[in-house]
N, C-alpha and C. Protein backbone atom coordinates (compact mmCIF):
# COMPACT_ATOMS: atom_id res chain seq x y z
N MET A 1 -12.19 10.78 -5.95
CA MET A 1 -11.13 10.56 -4.98
C MET A 1 -9.90 11.30 -5.44
N LEU A 2 -9.08 11.70 -4.48
CA LEU A 2 -7.87 12.45 -4.77
C LEU A 2 -6.96 11.67 -5.69
N THR A 3 -6.51 12.34 -6.73
CA THR A 3 -5.58 11.77 -7.72
C THR A 3 -6.09 10.42 -8.23
N ARG A 4 -7.39 10.34 -8.43
CA ARG A 4 -8.00 9.09 -8.86
C ARG A 4 -7.42 8.60 -10.19
N ALA A 5 -7.32 9.49 -11.16
CA ALA A 5 -6.83 9.07 -12.47
C ALA A 5 -5.42 8.52 -12.36
N LEU A 6 -4.59 9.20 -11.59
CA LEU A 6 -3.21 8.76 -11.43
C LEU A 6 -3.17 7.42 -10.71
N SER A 7 -4.01 7.28 -9.69
CA SER A 7 -4.02 6.06 -8.90
C SER A 7 -4.30 4.86 -9.78
N ILE A 8 -5.30 4.99 -10.66
CA ILE A 8 -5.67 3.86 -11.51
C ILE A 8 -4.56 3.58 -12.51
N ALA A 9 -3.96 4.65 -13.02
CA ALA A 9 -2.92 4.48 -14.01
C ALA A 9 -1.76 3.67 -13.46
N LEU A 10 -1.47 3.86 -12.14
CA LEU A 10 -0.33 3.15 -11.59
C LEU A 10 -0.73 1.99 -10.72
N LEU A 11 -1.98 1.63 -10.82
CA LEU A 11 -2.46 0.49 -10.04
C LEU A 11 -1.55 -0.72 -10.12
N PHE A 12 -1.09 -1.01 -11.32
CA PHE A 12 -0.31 -2.23 -11.47
C PHE A 12 1.17 -1.95 -11.48
N VAL A 13 1.55 -0.90 -10.81
CA VAL A 13 2.93 -0.56 -10.75
C VAL A 13 3.54 -1.12 -9.50
N ILE A 14 4.32 -2.08 -9.59
CA ILE A 14 4.94 -2.59 -8.39
C ILE A 14 6.40 -2.81 -8.65
N ALA A 15 7.22 -2.23 -7.86
CA ALA A 15 8.62 -2.39 -8.09
C ALA A 15 9.18 -3.46 -7.21
N PRO A 16 9.47 -4.66 -7.69
CA PRO A 16 9.90 -5.76 -6.89
C PRO A 16 10.99 -5.41 -5.93
N PHE A 17 10.80 -5.83 -4.71
CA PHE A 17 11.57 -5.38 -3.60
C PHE A 17 12.80 -6.10 -3.16
N ALA A 18 12.96 -7.32 -3.26
CA ALA A 18 14.17 -7.91 -2.74
C ALA A 18 14.75 -8.81 -3.79
N LEU A 19 15.32 -8.26 -4.77
CA LEU A 19 15.83 -9.07 -5.85
C LEU A 19 17.32 -9.33 -5.70
N ALA A 20 17.68 -10.52 -6.00
CA ALA A 20 19.08 -10.89 -5.95
C ALA A 20 19.21 -12.01 -6.96
N SER A 21 20.23 -12.02 -7.72
CA SER A 21 20.40 -12.97 -8.79
C SER A 21 19.07 -13.25 -9.48
N GLU A 22 18.43 -14.37 -9.24
CA GLU A 22 17.20 -14.66 -9.95
C GLU A 22 16.10 -13.75 -9.44
N ILE A 23 16.35 -13.11 -8.45
CA ILE A 23 15.53 -12.16 -7.73
C ILE A 23 15.35 -12.77 -6.38
N ASP A 24 15.07 -11.95 -5.52
CA ASP A 24 14.81 -12.41 -4.18
C ASP A 24 13.36 -12.80 -4.21
N GLU A 25 12.75 -12.94 -5.29
CA GLU A 25 11.41 -13.47 -5.43
C GLU A 25 10.38 -13.03 -4.41
N ARG A 26 10.78 -12.50 -3.28
CA ARG A 26 9.84 -12.15 -2.22
C ARG A 26 10.17 -10.81 -1.57
N VAL A 27 9.15 -10.22 -0.96
CA VAL A 27 9.33 -9.03 -0.14
C VAL A 27 8.74 -9.37 1.22
N ARG A 28 9.61 -9.69 2.14
CA ARG A 28 9.15 -10.12 3.46
C ARG A 28 8.63 -8.94 4.27
N PRO A 29 7.54 -9.13 5.00
CA PRO A 29 7.00 -8.06 5.85
C PRO A 29 8.02 -7.64 6.90
N PHE A 30 8.13 -6.36 7.14
CA PHE A 30 8.98 -5.90 8.24
C PHE A 30 8.44 -4.58 8.76
N ASP A 31 8.79 -4.28 9.98
CA ASP A 31 8.26 -3.08 10.62
C ASP A 31 9.22 -2.56 11.67
N GLU A 32 9.74 -1.36 11.44
CA GLU A 32 10.63 -0.74 12.41
C GLU A 32 9.88 0.15 13.40
N GLY A 33 8.57 0.27 13.25
CA GLY A 33 7.78 1.13 14.11
C GLY A 33 7.99 0.92 15.60
N PRO A 34 8.00 -0.34 16.06
CA PRO A 34 8.15 -0.60 17.50
C PRO A 34 9.49 -0.17 18.09
N THR A 35 10.46 0.19 17.24
CA THR A 35 11.77 0.59 17.77
C THR A 35 11.78 2.02 18.28
N ASN A 36 10.70 2.76 18.04
CA ASN A 36 10.62 4.15 18.48
C ASN A 36 9.34 4.31 19.30
N ALA A 37 9.48 4.53 20.60
CA ALA A 37 8.32 4.58 21.50
C ALA A 37 7.32 5.67 21.14
N SER A 38 7.81 6.85 20.79
CA SER A 38 6.88 7.95 20.50
C SER A 38 6.11 7.69 19.21
N PHE A 39 6.80 7.11 18.22
CA PHE A 39 6.09 6.80 16.97
C PHE A 39 5.09 5.68 17.18
N LEU A 40 5.49 4.67 17.95
CA LEU A 40 4.58 3.55 18.19
C LEU A 40 3.31 4.03 18.88
N LYS A 41 3.45 4.91 19.85
CA LYS A 41 2.28 5.48 20.54
C LYS A 41 1.41 6.24 19.54
N PHE A 42 2.04 7.04 18.70
CA PHE A 42 1.31 7.81 17.68
C PHE A 42 0.57 6.87 16.74
N ARG A 43 1.25 5.82 16.29
CA ARG A 43 0.62 4.92 15.32
C ARG A 43 -0.55 4.16 15.94
N ASN A 44 -0.42 3.76 17.18
CA ASN A 44 -1.54 3.09 17.85
C ASN A 44 -2.74 4.02 17.97
N GLU A 45 -2.46 5.29 18.22
CA GLU A 45 -3.54 6.28 18.29
C GLU A 45 -4.19 6.46 16.91
N LEU A 46 -3.36 6.43 15.87
CA LEU A 46 -3.89 6.57 14.52
C LEU A 46 -4.74 5.36 14.15
N LYS A 47 -4.33 4.18 14.58
CA LYS A 47 -5.13 2.98 14.32
C LYS A 47 -6.51 3.11 14.96
N ALA A 48 -6.55 3.69 16.16
CA ALA A 48 -7.83 3.89 16.84
C ALA A 48 -8.68 4.92 16.09
N ILE A 49 -8.02 5.95 15.58
CA ILE A 49 -8.73 6.98 14.80
C ILE A 49 -9.37 6.34 13.57
N ILE A 50 -8.61 5.47 12.91
CA ILE A 50 -9.11 4.80 11.70
C ILE A 50 -10.25 3.86 12.07
N ALA A 51 -10.08 3.11 13.14
CA ALA A 51 -11.12 2.15 13.55
C ALA A 51 -12.44 2.84 13.85
N HIS A 52 -12.36 4.05 14.42
CA HIS A 52 -13.58 4.78 14.78
C HIS A 52 -13.99 5.79 13.71
N LYS A 53 -13.21 5.85 12.62
CA LYS A 53 -13.50 6.78 11.52
C LYS A 53 -13.70 8.19 12.05
N ASN A 54 -12.76 8.61 12.89
CA ASN A 54 -12.82 9.91 13.56
C ASN A 54 -12.16 10.97 12.69
N ALA A 55 -12.95 11.62 11.86
CA ALA A 55 -12.42 12.59 10.91
C ALA A 55 -11.75 13.77 11.59
N ALA A 56 -12.34 14.26 12.66
CA ALA A 56 -11.79 15.43 13.36
C ALA A 56 -10.39 15.11 13.89
N ALA A 57 -10.24 13.93 14.49
CA ALA A 57 -8.95 13.54 15.03
C ALA A 57 -7.94 13.30 13.92
N LEU A 58 -8.39 12.73 12.81
CA LEU A 58 -7.50 12.50 11.68
C LEU A 58 -6.93 13.81 11.15
N MET A 59 -7.78 14.80 10.99
CA MET A 59 -7.33 16.07 10.42
C MET A 59 -6.31 16.76 11.32
N LYS A 60 -6.30 16.43 12.61
CA LYS A 60 -5.34 17.05 13.53
C LYS A 60 -3.92 16.52 13.34
N ILE A 61 -3.81 15.36 12.71
CA ILE A 61 -2.46 14.82 12.50
C ILE A 61 -2.03 14.94 11.03
N VAL A 62 -2.86 15.57 10.22
CA VAL A 62 -2.50 15.81 8.82
C VAL A 62 -1.76 17.14 8.71
N ASP A 63 -0.58 17.11 8.14
CA ASP A 63 0.22 18.32 7.97
C ASP A 63 -0.52 19.31 7.07
N THR A 64 -0.42 20.59 7.38
CA THR A 64 -1.13 21.60 6.58
C THR A 64 -0.66 21.61 5.13
N LYS A 65 0.59 21.16 4.90
CA LYS A 65 1.14 21.16 3.54
C LYS A 65 1.29 19.73 3.01
N ILE A 66 0.45 18.83 3.47
CA ILE A 66 0.56 17.43 3.09
C ILE A 66 0.64 17.26 1.58
N GLN A 67 1.52 16.34 1.14
CA GLN A 67 1.63 16.04 -0.29
C GLN A 67 0.58 14.99 -0.63
N ASN A 68 -0.30 15.34 -1.55
CA ASN A 68 -1.40 14.46 -1.93
C ASN A 68 -1.17 13.76 -3.27
N GLY A 69 -0.17 14.20 -3.99
CA GLY A 69 0.08 13.62 -5.31
C GLY A 69 1.27 14.29 -5.96
N PHE A 70 1.34 14.19 -7.27
CA PHE A 70 2.47 14.75 -8.00
C PHE A 70 2.05 15.85 -8.97
N GLY A 71 0.81 16.29 -8.85
CA GLY A 71 0.31 17.28 -9.79
C GLY A 71 -0.09 18.61 -9.19
N GLY A 72 0.50 18.98 -8.05
CA GLY A 72 0.20 20.27 -7.46
C GLY A 72 -1.04 20.31 -6.60
N GLU A 73 -1.54 19.13 -6.21
CA GLU A 73 -2.76 19.10 -5.39
C GLU A 73 -2.44 18.96 -3.92
N ASP A 74 -1.40 19.63 -3.46
CA ASP A 74 -0.98 19.51 -2.06
C ASP A 74 -1.80 20.40 -1.13
N GLY A 75 -1.69 20.12 0.16
CA GLY A 75 -2.35 20.94 1.17
C GLY A 75 -3.49 20.22 1.85
N ILE A 76 -3.74 20.62 3.10
CA ILE A 76 -4.76 19.95 3.91
C ILE A 76 -6.17 20.12 3.36
N ALA A 77 -6.46 21.27 2.75
CA ALA A 77 -7.79 21.50 2.20
C ALA A 77 -8.08 20.53 1.06
N LYS A 78 -7.08 20.31 0.21
CA LYS A 78 -7.27 19.39 -0.91
C LYS A 78 -7.33 17.94 -0.43
N PHE A 79 -6.62 17.63 0.64
CA PHE A 79 -6.74 16.30 1.24
C PHE A 79 -8.17 16.08 1.69
N ARG A 80 -8.71 17.04 2.41
CA ARG A 80 -10.08 16.91 2.94
C ARG A 80 -11.11 16.86 1.80
N ASN A 81 -10.95 17.73 0.82
CA ASN A 81 -11.90 17.76 -0.29
C ASN A 81 -11.82 16.51 -1.16
N GLY A 82 -10.61 15.98 -1.27
CA GLY A 82 -10.43 14.80 -2.10
C GLY A 82 -10.93 13.51 -1.45
N TRP A 83 -10.64 13.36 -0.16
CA TRP A 83 -10.98 12.12 0.54
C TRP A 83 -12.31 12.18 1.29
N LYS A 84 -12.74 13.38 1.68
CA LYS A 84 -14.00 13.54 2.42
C LYS A 84 -14.08 12.60 3.63
N PRO A 85 -13.14 12.71 4.58
CA PRO A 85 -13.10 11.80 5.73
C PRO A 85 -14.32 11.88 6.64
N GLU A 86 -15.08 12.97 6.56
CA GLU A 86 -16.29 13.08 7.40
C GLU A 86 -17.34 12.03 7.00
N ASP A 87 -17.22 11.52 5.79
CA ASP A 87 -18.14 10.48 5.32
C ASP A 87 -17.64 9.12 5.81
N PRO A 88 -18.42 8.42 6.62
CA PRO A 88 -17.99 7.11 7.14
C PRO A 88 -17.64 6.12 6.03
N ASN A 89 -18.21 6.34 4.84
CA ASN A 89 -17.95 5.44 3.72
C ASN A 89 -16.78 5.90 2.85
N SER A 90 -16.09 6.93 3.29
CA SER A 90 -14.95 7.42 2.52
C SER A 90 -13.91 6.32 2.35
N PRO A 91 -13.35 6.17 1.15
CA PRO A 91 -12.31 5.15 0.93
C PRO A 91 -11.03 5.43 1.69
N VAL A 92 -10.89 6.62 2.26
CA VAL A 92 -9.66 6.95 2.98
C VAL A 92 -9.43 6.01 4.17
N TRP A 93 -10.52 5.54 4.77
CA TRP A 93 -10.37 4.71 5.97
C TRP A 93 -9.77 3.35 5.62
N ARG A 94 -10.24 2.75 4.55
CA ARG A 94 -9.69 1.46 4.12
C ARG A 94 -8.27 1.65 3.59
N ALA A 95 -8.05 2.71 2.81
CA ALA A 95 -6.73 2.96 2.23
C ALA A 95 -5.69 3.19 3.33
N LEU A 96 -6.03 4.01 4.30
CA LEU A 96 -5.11 4.29 5.40
C LEU A 96 -4.86 3.05 6.26
N SER A 97 -5.90 2.28 6.50
CA SER A 97 -5.76 1.09 7.34
C SER A 97 -4.76 0.12 6.73
N LEU A 98 -4.86 -0.11 5.42
CA LEU A 98 -3.94 -1.01 4.75
C LEU A 98 -2.50 -0.53 4.86
N VAL A 99 -2.32 0.78 4.70
CA VAL A 99 -0.97 1.35 4.79
C VAL A 99 -0.40 1.20 6.19
N ILE A 100 -1.19 1.55 7.19
CA ILE A 100 -0.73 1.53 8.58
C ILE A 100 -0.46 0.12 9.09
N GLU A 101 -1.26 -0.82 8.65
CA GLU A 101 -1.12 -2.19 9.14
C GLU A 101 0.04 -2.94 8.49
N GLN A 102 0.59 -2.39 7.42
CA GLN A 102 1.63 -3.11 6.68
C GLN A 102 3.04 -2.57 6.95
N GLY A 103 3.31 -2.26 8.19
CA GLY A 103 4.67 -1.93 8.61
C GLY A 103 5.32 -0.78 7.88
N GLY A 104 6.65 -0.77 7.90
CA GLY A 104 7.40 0.30 7.26
C GLY A 104 8.75 0.48 7.91
N ASN A 105 9.42 1.58 7.57
CA ASN A 105 10.75 1.80 8.12
C ASN A 105 11.02 3.27 8.41
N PHE A 106 12.02 3.51 9.23
CA PHE A 106 12.46 4.87 9.52
C PHE A 106 13.48 5.30 8.48
N ASP A 107 13.19 6.40 7.80
CA ASP A 107 14.13 6.99 6.85
C ASP A 107 15.18 7.80 7.61
N SER A 108 14.80 8.25 8.78
CA SER A 108 15.70 8.97 9.69
C SER A 108 15.08 8.83 11.08
N LYS A 109 15.70 9.44 12.09
CA LYS A 109 15.16 9.34 13.44
C LYS A 109 13.79 10.01 13.57
N THR A 110 13.50 10.92 12.68
CA THR A 110 12.24 11.68 12.79
C THR A 110 11.30 11.46 11.61
N GLN A 111 11.62 10.50 10.73
CA GLN A 111 10.78 10.26 9.55
C GLN A 111 10.52 8.78 9.36
N PHE A 112 9.26 8.44 9.09
CA PHE A 112 8.86 7.04 8.91
C PHE A 112 8.03 6.94 7.65
N SER A 113 8.28 5.89 6.85
CA SER A 113 7.49 5.68 5.64
C SER A 113 6.84 4.30 5.68
N ALA A 114 5.62 4.21 5.16
CA ALA A 114 4.86 2.97 5.16
C ALA A 114 4.03 2.89 3.88
N PRO A 115 3.70 1.69 3.40
CA PRO A 115 3.95 0.38 4.00
C PRO A 115 5.27 -0.23 3.53
N TYR A 116 5.59 -1.41 4.04
CA TYR A 116 6.85 -2.07 3.68
C TYR A 116 6.91 -2.43 2.20
N THR A 117 5.76 -2.65 1.57
CA THR A 117 5.76 -3.03 0.15
C THR A 117 6.32 -1.93 -0.74
N PHE A 118 6.31 -0.70 -0.22
CA PHE A 118 6.94 0.41 -0.96
C PHE A 118 8.37 0.61 -0.47
N SER A 119 8.54 0.73 0.82
CA SER A 119 9.85 1.09 1.35
C SER A 119 10.89 -0.01 1.19
N ALA A 120 10.46 -1.27 1.07
CA ALA A 120 11.41 -2.37 0.95
C ALA A 120 11.44 -2.97 -0.46
N PHE A 121 10.77 -2.37 -1.38
CA PHE A 121 10.71 -2.94 -2.73
C PHE A 121 12.05 -2.78 -3.43
N PRO A 122 12.51 -3.79 -4.16
CA PRO A 122 13.81 -3.74 -4.84
C PRO A 122 13.88 -2.59 -5.84
N SER A 123 14.92 -1.81 -5.77
CA SER A 123 15.06 -0.65 -6.65
C SER A 123 15.26 -1.03 -8.11
N ASP A 124 15.70 -2.25 -8.37
CA ASP A 124 15.95 -2.65 -9.75
C ASP A 124 14.78 -3.43 -10.35
N ALA A 125 13.65 -3.47 -9.64
CA ALA A 125 12.49 -4.18 -10.15
C ALA A 125 11.55 -3.20 -10.86
N ASP A 126 10.76 -3.71 -11.78
CA ASP A 126 9.83 -2.87 -12.54
C ASP A 126 8.56 -2.65 -11.74
N GLY A 127 8.39 -1.45 -11.25
CA GLY A 127 7.24 -1.15 -10.42
C GLY A 127 5.93 -1.04 -11.15
N PHE A 128 5.95 -1.14 -12.47
CA PHE A 128 4.70 -1.02 -13.22
C PHE A 128 4.18 -2.36 -13.71
N THR A 129 4.91 -3.40 -13.48
CA THR A 129 4.50 -4.71 -14.01
C THR A 129 4.46 -5.80 -12.96
N THR A 130 4.63 -5.44 -11.70
CA THR A 130 4.67 -6.47 -10.66
C THR A 130 3.81 -6.09 -9.45
N VAL A 131 3.53 -7.08 -8.62
CA VAL A 131 2.80 -6.89 -7.37
C VAL A 131 3.42 -7.77 -6.30
N VAL A 132 3.20 -7.41 -5.06
CA VAL A 132 3.74 -8.17 -3.93
C VAL A 132 2.59 -8.85 -3.19
N VAL A 133 2.75 -10.12 -2.90
CA VAL A 133 1.73 -10.85 -2.13
C VAL A 133 1.83 -10.40 -0.67
N THR A 134 0.74 -9.86 -0.13
CA THR A 134 0.74 -9.37 1.25
C THR A 134 -0.08 -10.27 2.19
N ALA A 135 -0.95 -11.09 1.66
CA ALA A 135 -1.82 -11.91 2.50
C ALA A 135 -1.16 -13.22 2.89
N GLU A 136 -1.28 -13.59 4.14
CA GLU A 136 -0.79 -14.88 4.60
C GLU A 136 -1.69 -15.98 4.03
N GLY A 137 -1.09 -17.07 3.59
CA GLY A 137 -1.89 -18.19 3.09
C GLY A 137 -2.44 -18.00 1.69
N ALA A 138 -1.98 -16.97 0.97
CA ALA A 138 -2.47 -16.73 -0.39
C ALA A 138 -1.99 -17.84 -1.32
N VAL A 139 -2.77 -18.11 -2.37
CA VAL A 139 -2.40 -19.14 -3.34
C VAL A 139 -2.61 -18.62 -4.76
N MET A 140 -1.89 -19.24 -5.69
CA MET A 140 -2.11 -18.99 -7.11
C MET A 140 -3.01 -20.11 -7.63
N ARG A 141 -4.04 -19.74 -8.39
CA ARG A 141 -4.98 -20.74 -8.90
C ARG A 141 -4.96 -20.80 -10.43
N GLU A 142 -5.41 -21.93 -10.96
CA GLU A 142 -5.42 -22.11 -12.41
C GLU A 142 -6.44 -21.21 -13.09
N LYS A 143 -7.52 -20.92 -12.38
CA LYS A 143 -8.58 -20.09 -12.92
C LYS A 143 -8.94 -19.01 -11.90
N PRO A 144 -9.49 -17.87 -12.35
CA PRO A 144 -9.87 -16.79 -11.42
C PRO A 144 -11.16 -17.11 -10.67
N LYS A 145 -11.11 -18.18 -9.90
CA LYS A 145 -12.27 -18.63 -9.14
C LYS A 145 -11.80 -19.16 -7.79
N PRO A 146 -12.60 -18.97 -6.74
CA PRO A 146 -12.21 -19.45 -5.41
C PRO A 146 -11.99 -20.95 -5.36
N ASP A 147 -12.64 -21.70 -6.27
CA ASP A 147 -12.49 -23.15 -6.28
C ASP A 147 -11.57 -23.63 -7.39
N GLY A 148 -10.83 -22.71 -8.01
CA GLY A 148 -9.89 -23.10 -9.06
C GLY A 148 -8.78 -23.95 -8.47
N ALA A 149 -8.26 -24.86 -9.25
CA ALA A 149 -7.18 -25.71 -8.78
C ALA A 149 -5.97 -24.86 -8.38
N VAL A 150 -5.33 -25.25 -7.28
CA VAL A 150 -4.18 -24.50 -6.77
C VAL A 150 -2.93 -24.83 -7.58
N VAL A 151 -2.30 -23.80 -8.13
CA VAL A 151 -1.04 -23.97 -8.85
C VAL A 151 0.10 -24.08 -7.85
N ARG A 152 0.07 -23.20 -6.83
CA ARG A 152 1.11 -23.22 -5.80
C ARG A 152 0.71 -22.29 -4.67
N ALA A 153 1.27 -22.56 -3.50
CA ALA A 153 1.10 -21.66 -2.36
C ALA A 153 2.05 -20.48 -2.56
N LEU A 154 1.66 -19.32 -2.05
CA LEU A 154 2.48 -18.12 -2.19
C LEU A 154 3.00 -17.68 -0.82
N ASP A 155 4.17 -17.10 -0.83
CA ASP A 155 4.80 -16.68 0.42
C ASP A 155 5.45 -15.31 0.22
N HIS A 156 4.61 -14.28 0.15
CA HIS A 156 5.09 -12.91 -0.03
C HIS A 156 5.89 -12.75 -1.32
N ASP A 157 5.50 -13.53 -2.34
CA ASP A 157 6.18 -13.49 -3.62
C ASP A 157 5.99 -12.16 -4.36
N ILE A 158 6.95 -11.87 -5.21
CA ILE A 158 6.82 -10.80 -6.20
C ILE A 158 6.31 -11.47 -7.47
N LEU A 159 5.17 -11.03 -7.97
CA LEU A 159 4.55 -11.63 -9.14
C LEU A 159 4.49 -10.63 -10.28
N THR A 160 4.67 -11.12 -11.49
CA THR A 160 4.59 -10.27 -12.68
C THR A 160 3.19 -10.31 -13.25
N LEU A 161 2.65 -9.15 -13.56
CA LEU A 161 1.30 -9.08 -14.09
C LEU A 161 1.25 -9.53 -15.54
N VAL A 162 0.16 -10.22 -15.87
CA VAL A 162 -0.11 -10.64 -17.25
C VAL A 162 -1.43 -9.99 -17.62
N GLY A 163 -1.47 -9.21 -18.66
CA GLY A 163 -2.70 -8.52 -18.99
C GLY A 163 -2.86 -7.23 -18.21
N GLN A 164 -4.06 -6.68 -18.21
CA GLN A 164 -4.30 -5.35 -17.65
C GLN A 164 -4.87 -5.34 -16.24
N GLY A 165 -5.37 -6.44 -15.76
CA GLY A 165 -5.90 -6.44 -14.41
C GLY A 165 -7.26 -5.78 -14.31
N SER A 166 -7.65 -5.43 -13.09
CA SER A 166 -9.00 -4.90 -12.85
C SER A 166 -9.07 -3.38 -12.86
N GLY A 167 -7.91 -2.72 -12.80
CA GLY A 167 -7.91 -1.26 -12.76
C GLY A 167 -8.20 -0.69 -11.39
N LYS A 168 -8.04 -1.52 -10.35
CA LYS A 168 -8.33 -1.07 -8.99
C LYS A 168 -7.08 -1.12 -8.12
N LEU A 169 -7.06 -0.26 -7.11
CA LEU A 169 -6.02 -0.31 -6.09
C LEU A 169 -6.46 -1.31 -5.01
N GLN A 170 -5.53 -1.67 -4.12
CA GLN A 170 -5.86 -2.73 -3.15
C GLN A 170 -7.06 -2.39 -2.29
N HIS A 171 -7.18 -1.13 -1.86
CA HIS A 171 -8.30 -0.79 -0.98
C HIS A 171 -9.64 -0.77 -1.72
N GLU A 172 -9.60 -0.79 -3.05
CA GLU A 172 -10.83 -0.80 -3.84
C GLU A 172 -11.24 -2.20 -4.28
N ALA A 173 -10.35 -3.16 -4.11
CA ALA A 173 -10.59 -4.52 -4.59
C ALA A 173 -11.69 -5.23 -3.80
N THR A 174 -12.35 -6.17 -4.46
CA THR A 174 -13.40 -6.98 -3.83
C THR A 174 -13.06 -8.46 -4.02
N GLU A 175 -13.87 -9.31 -3.44
CA GLU A 175 -13.67 -10.75 -3.57
C GLU A 175 -13.75 -11.20 -5.03
N ALA A 176 -14.41 -10.41 -5.87
CA ALA A 176 -14.59 -10.79 -7.27
C ALA A 176 -13.43 -10.40 -8.16
N ASP A 177 -12.46 -9.66 -7.63
CA ASP A 177 -11.35 -9.16 -8.45
C ASP A 177 -10.15 -10.10 -8.40
N TRP A 178 -9.71 -10.50 -9.59
CA TRP A 178 -8.55 -11.39 -9.73
C TRP A 178 -7.54 -10.78 -10.69
N LEU A 179 -6.28 -11.14 -10.51
CA LEU A 179 -5.23 -10.70 -11.41
C LEU A 179 -4.55 -11.92 -12.02
N GLU A 180 -4.26 -11.82 -13.32
CA GLU A 180 -3.53 -12.87 -14.01
C GLU A 180 -2.04 -12.58 -13.83
N VAL A 181 -1.28 -13.56 -13.36
CA VAL A 181 0.12 -13.32 -13.01
C VAL A 181 1.00 -14.52 -13.37
N LYS A 182 2.30 -14.30 -13.24
CA LYS A 182 3.26 -15.40 -13.32
C LYS A 182 4.33 -15.15 -12.27
N ASP A 183 4.91 -16.22 -11.75
CA ASP A 183 5.92 -16.07 -10.70
C ASP A 183 7.32 -16.01 -11.30
N ALA A 184 8.33 -15.97 -10.45
CA ALA A 184 9.71 -15.81 -10.92
C ALA A 184 10.19 -16.98 -11.77
N LYS A 185 9.54 -18.13 -11.64
CA LYS A 185 9.92 -19.29 -12.43
C LYS A 185 9.04 -19.46 -13.66
N GLY A 186 8.15 -18.48 -13.89
CA GLY A 186 7.32 -18.51 -15.09
C GLY A 186 6.01 -19.25 -14.94
N ARG A 187 5.71 -19.76 -13.74
CA ARG A 187 4.44 -20.45 -13.55
C ARG A 187 3.29 -19.45 -13.61
N HIS A 188 2.25 -19.82 -14.34
CA HIS A 188 1.15 -18.91 -14.64
C HIS A 188 -0.08 -19.26 -13.82
N GLY A 189 -0.86 -18.22 -13.44
CA GLY A 189 -2.10 -18.45 -12.72
C GLY A 189 -2.79 -17.16 -12.36
N TYR A 190 -3.67 -17.23 -11.36
CA TYR A 190 -4.46 -16.08 -10.95
C TYR A 190 -4.40 -15.93 -9.42
N VAL A 191 -4.41 -14.68 -8.96
CA VAL A 191 -4.44 -14.39 -7.53
C VAL A 191 -5.55 -13.39 -7.24
N ARG A 192 -6.10 -13.48 -6.05
CA ARG A 192 -7.09 -12.49 -5.65
C ARG A 192 -6.40 -11.14 -5.51
N GLN A 193 -7.02 -10.09 -6.00
CA GLN A 193 -6.39 -8.78 -5.89
C GLN A 193 -6.32 -8.30 -4.45
N LEU A 194 -7.20 -8.80 -3.61
CA LEU A 194 -7.15 -8.45 -2.19
C LEU A 194 -5.86 -8.93 -1.54
N ASP A 195 -5.23 -9.94 -2.14
CA ASP A 195 -4.06 -10.58 -1.54
C ASP A 195 -2.73 -9.98 -1.98
N VAL A 196 -2.76 -9.02 -2.90
CA VAL A 196 -1.51 -8.46 -3.43
C VAL A 196 -1.56 -6.93 -3.42
N ARG A 197 -0.39 -6.32 -3.50
CA ARG A 197 -0.31 -4.87 -3.49
C ARG A 197 0.80 -4.39 -4.42
N SER A 198 0.48 -3.32 -5.16
CA SER A 198 1.50 -2.70 -5.99
C SER A 198 2.40 -1.86 -5.09
N PRO A 199 3.71 -1.84 -5.36
CA PRO A 199 4.63 -1.05 -4.54
C PRO A 199 4.37 0.44 -4.66
N ILE A 200 3.67 0.86 -5.72
CA ILE A 200 3.39 2.29 -5.83
C ILE A 200 1.92 2.60 -5.56
N ASP A 201 1.28 1.68 -4.88
CA ASP A 201 -0.06 1.94 -4.36
C ASP A 201 0.10 3.03 -3.29
N TYR A 202 -0.95 3.39 -2.60
CA TYR A 202 -0.87 4.45 -1.60
C TYR A 202 0.16 4.15 -0.52
N ARG A 203 0.90 5.19 -0.15
CA ARG A 203 1.84 5.11 0.97
C ARG A 203 1.79 6.42 1.75
N ALA A 204 2.29 6.36 2.96
CA ALA A 204 2.25 7.53 3.84
C ALA A 204 3.63 7.82 4.39
N TYR A 205 3.88 9.10 4.61
CA TYR A 205 5.12 9.54 5.25
C TYR A 205 4.74 10.30 6.51
N PHE A 206 5.47 10.03 7.58
CA PHE A 206 5.22 10.68 8.85
C PHE A 206 6.50 11.35 9.33
N GLU A 207 6.33 12.51 9.97
CA GLU A 207 7.50 13.24 10.46
C GLU A 207 7.24 13.80 11.85
N ASN A 208 8.25 13.69 12.71
CA ASN A 208 8.15 14.23 14.06
C ASN A 208 8.66 15.66 14.04
N ARG A 209 7.76 16.59 14.31
CA ARG A 209 8.12 18.00 14.34
C ARG A 209 7.86 18.58 15.73
N ARG A 210 8.94 18.93 16.38
CA ARG A 210 8.85 19.51 17.73
C ARG A 210 8.05 18.62 18.67
N GLY A 211 8.30 17.32 18.56
CA GLY A 211 7.66 16.38 19.46
C GLY A 211 6.29 15.89 19.04
N LYS A 212 5.80 16.31 17.87
CA LYS A 212 4.49 15.89 17.40
C LYS A 212 4.62 15.21 16.04
N TRP A 213 4.09 13.98 15.94
CA TRP A 213 4.11 13.26 14.67
C TRP A 213 2.97 13.73 13.77
N LEU A 214 3.29 13.97 12.51
CA LEU A 214 2.30 14.41 11.53
C LEU A 214 2.41 13.56 10.27
N MET A 215 1.30 13.41 9.55
CA MET A 215 1.34 12.73 8.26
C MET A 215 1.64 13.81 7.22
N THR A 216 2.80 13.72 6.60
CA THR A 216 3.25 14.76 5.69
C THR A 216 2.98 14.42 4.22
N ALA A 217 2.65 13.16 3.94
CA ALA A 217 2.32 12.77 2.57
C ALA A 217 1.44 11.53 2.60
N PHE A 218 0.48 11.47 1.68
CA PHE A 218 -0.36 10.30 1.49
C PHE A 218 -0.69 10.28 0.01
N LEU A 219 0.01 9.44 -0.74
CA LEU A 219 -0.12 9.49 -2.18
C LEU A 219 0.22 8.16 -2.83
N ALA A 220 -0.16 8.06 -4.10
CA ALA A 220 0.15 6.87 -4.90
C ALA A 220 0.82 7.34 -6.18
N GLY A 221 1.56 6.45 -6.80
CA GLY A 221 2.21 6.81 -8.05
C GLY A 221 3.71 6.75 -7.96
N ASP A 222 4.37 7.19 -9.02
CA ASP A 222 5.82 7.15 -9.05
C ASP A 222 6.35 8.33 -9.86
């Protein structure tokens, strides 16, 4: 996969997003997409492309100079070779779906960045030691088991990682993957990795050029 080594290295990099005094402990979901009709139409079309795993249609909205990482692997050819979207089992479909479904914000009238866990993450938080709870109804458990006693309910909390984790990004996680964490008050427990996201996990940038929206970057890291 494209920039695989880098992706794993920064898997647990999350820069807490809304900190204030003790921290804003949480990063609330938000989405400015609906405020722009042309972008909303584009994004709905992209969601359909992802749902149908339509590689040909996807490549039409990928910028020819798309940024794929931080090591000189830019360009549409490297995007295609790295992700292999023609393969229905390509991880690009799950990775893109998570990014697109998790809102985002406009950096300018013609530029949008997603997901919110990156764009709204607190600038003074450590992006390599924290994760944001993205799943509704997520809980922290005493043990890394579905039937472990519940320590507390979670509400889009920023959690600090304890230990090394599973070495996977959110789109690679399975039901068997758990992370050892502690909350802002120091309470310790475990969360399903499917329920949390690092702020420097994959994100996408979109730009409107001459009336056409394009994906200009799809990368992970910091």
